Amino acid sequence: DYKKILEKIYADARRNESHGFARAVQGALFRSLKKTNPALENRGVRTAPFVVLIGTQMPAILVEIACLSNENEVQLLTKPDYRENIALSLAQGIRQYAHRFTVADRKGS
């Protein structure tokens, strides 16, 4: 019984960390891509019990960048500058998330 309780606590903590990670990445993506694509909607962060997410031992996210059924998004994805902007925004979101831990480590020293 204790093992199940501890596993649930650990899963809840990991889910909360994943949600914070997703917010950082989604925010960086939205702020950056909105400049190039003014029609872009902020759809926020969603959760779902995907096996690739819940089966991890660390925070994990899935990022949907565009919909190939949307012709405007397809056109944007054909542009190398737009794709590079996506990559840079993803990196920025990851850095923002990771920065929380380096700041906390320095405060704890």
Protein backbone atom coordinates (compact mmCIF):
# COMPACT_ATOMS: atom_id res chain seq x y z
CA ASP A 1 0.00 0.00 0.00
CA TYR A 2 2.83 2.43 0.83
CA LYS A 3 4.48 1.72 -2.49
CA LYS A 4 1.29 2.63 -4.38
CA ILE A 5 0.90 5.81 -2.36
CA LEU A 6 4.50 6.83 -3.02
CA GLU A 7 4.17 6.04 -6.74
CA LYS A 8 1.08 8.25 -6.94
CA ILE A 9 2.82 11.11 -5.15
CA TYR A 10 5.81 10.77 -7.46
CA ALA A 11 3.56 10.65 -10.56
CA ASP A 12 1.66 13.75 -9.39
CA ALA A 13 4.92 15.65 -8.79
CA ARG A 14 6.24 14.63 -12.21
CA ARG A 15 2.96 15.69 -13.86
CA ASN A 16 3.14 19.09 -12.14
CA GLU A 17 6.74 19.55 -13.27
CA SER A 18 5.79 18.54 -16.81
CA HIS A 19 2.99 21.10 -16.77
CA GLY A 20 5.42 23.85 -15.72
CA PHE A 21 7.83 22.72 -18.42
CA ALA A 22 5.03 22.80 -21.01
CA ARG A 23 3.98 26.32 -19.94
CA ALA A 24 7.54 27.61 -20.38
CA VAL A 25 7.92 26.09 -23.84
CA GLN A 26 4.42 27.04 -25.01
CA GLY A 27 4.88 30.62 -23.83
CA ALA A 28 8.20 31.01 -25.64
CA LEU A 29 6.77 29.50 -28.82
CA PHE A 30 3.63 31.60 -28.79
CA ARG A 31 5.41 34.90 -28.12
CA SER A 32 7.91 34.28 -30.89
CA LEU A 33 5.65 32.77 -33.56
CA LYS A 34 2.85 35.31 -33.03
CA LYS A 35 5.16 37.97 -34.49
CA THR A 36 5.43 36.05 -37.77
CA ASN A 37 1.92 34.59 -37.75
CA PRO A 38 -0.52 37.18 -36.36
CA ALA A 39 -3.43 34.76 -36.88
CA LEU A 40 -1.89 32.31 -34.42
CA GLU A 41 -4.19 31.45 -31.51
CA ASN A 42 -2.93 30.81 -27.99
CA ARG A 43 -4.40 27.41 -27.23
CA GLY A 44 -2.58 27.07 -23.94
CA VAL A 45 -1.29 23.86 -22.42
CA ARG A 46 -3.33 20.69 -22.47
CA THR A 47 -2.86 17.41 -20.69
CA ALA A 48 -3.44 13.86 -21.85
CA PRO A 49 -2.30 10.46 -20.55
CA PHE A 50 0.00 9.57 -23.46
CA VAL A 51 2.19 6.56 -22.66
CA VAL A 52 5.29 8.40 -23.88
CA LEU A 53 4.63 11.05 -21.24
CA ILE A 54 3.47 9.05 -18.24
CA GLY A 55 6.11 6.36 -18.71
CA THR A 56 9.01 8.71 -18.04
CA GLN A 57 11.07 9.24 -14.91
CA MET A 58 11.43 12.97 -15.64
CA PRO A 59 9.23 15.86 -16.75
CA ALA A 60 8.11 15.30 -20.34
CA ILE A 61 6.08 17.20 -22.94
CA LEU A 62 4.83 16.82 -26.49
CA VAL A 63 4.88 19.93 -28.64
CA GLU A 64 2.55 20.43 -31.58
CA ILE A 65 4.01 23.11 -33.79
CA ALA A 66 1.52 23.30 -36.65
CA CYS A 67 -1.35 21.55 -38.37
CA LEU A 68 -0.60 20.30 -41.86
CA SER A 69 -4.30 20.56 -42.65
CA ASN A 70 -3.96 24.36 -42.27
CA GLU A 71 -2.68 25.76 -45.57
CA ASN A 72 -1.32 28.96 -43.97
CA GLU A 73 0.73 26.95 -41.47
CA VAL A 74 2.01 24.70 -44.26
CA GLN A 75 3.21 27.77 -46.16
CA LEU A 76 4.98 29.09 -43.06
CA LEU A 77 6.67 25.72 -42.49
CA THR A 78 8.18 25.85 -45.97
CA LYS A 79 10.24 28.89 -44.92
CA PRO A 80 13.64 28.06 -43.37
CA ASP A 81 13.56 31.22 -41.21
CA TYR A 82 10.24 30.18 -39.69
CA ARG A 83 11.50 26.69 -38.91
CA GLU A 84 14.63 28.15 -37.32
CA ASN A 85 12.46 30.48 -35.26
CA ILE A 86 10.56 27.42 -34.02
CA ALA A 87 13.80 25.70 -33.02
CA LEU A 88 15.11 28.81 -31.25
CA SER A 89 11.81 29.26 -29.42
CA LEU A 90 11.85 25.64 -28.25
CA ALA A 91 15.39 26.11 -26.97
CA GLN A 92 14.41 29.33 -25.21
CA GLY A 93 11.48 27.63 -23.46
CA ILE A 94 13.73 24.77 -22.34
CA ARG A 95 16.31 27.25 -21.02
CA GLN A 96 13.62 29.18 -19.14
CA TYR A 97 12.41 25.99 -17.50
CA ALA A 98 15.93 24.79 -16.66
CA HIS A 99 16.91 28.22 -15.30
CA ARG A 100 14.52 27.70 -12.38
CA PHE A 101 16.72 24.88 -11.15
CA THR A 102 20.06 26.65 -11.52
CA VAL A 103 18.71 29.66 -9.62
CA ALA A 104 17.32 27.40 -6.89
CA ASP A 105 20.66 25.55 -6.68
CA ARG A 106 22.54 28.83 -6.20
CA LYS A 107 20.11 30.02 -3.53
CA GLY A 108 20.49 26.74 -1.65
CA SER A 109 24.30 26.96 -1.61
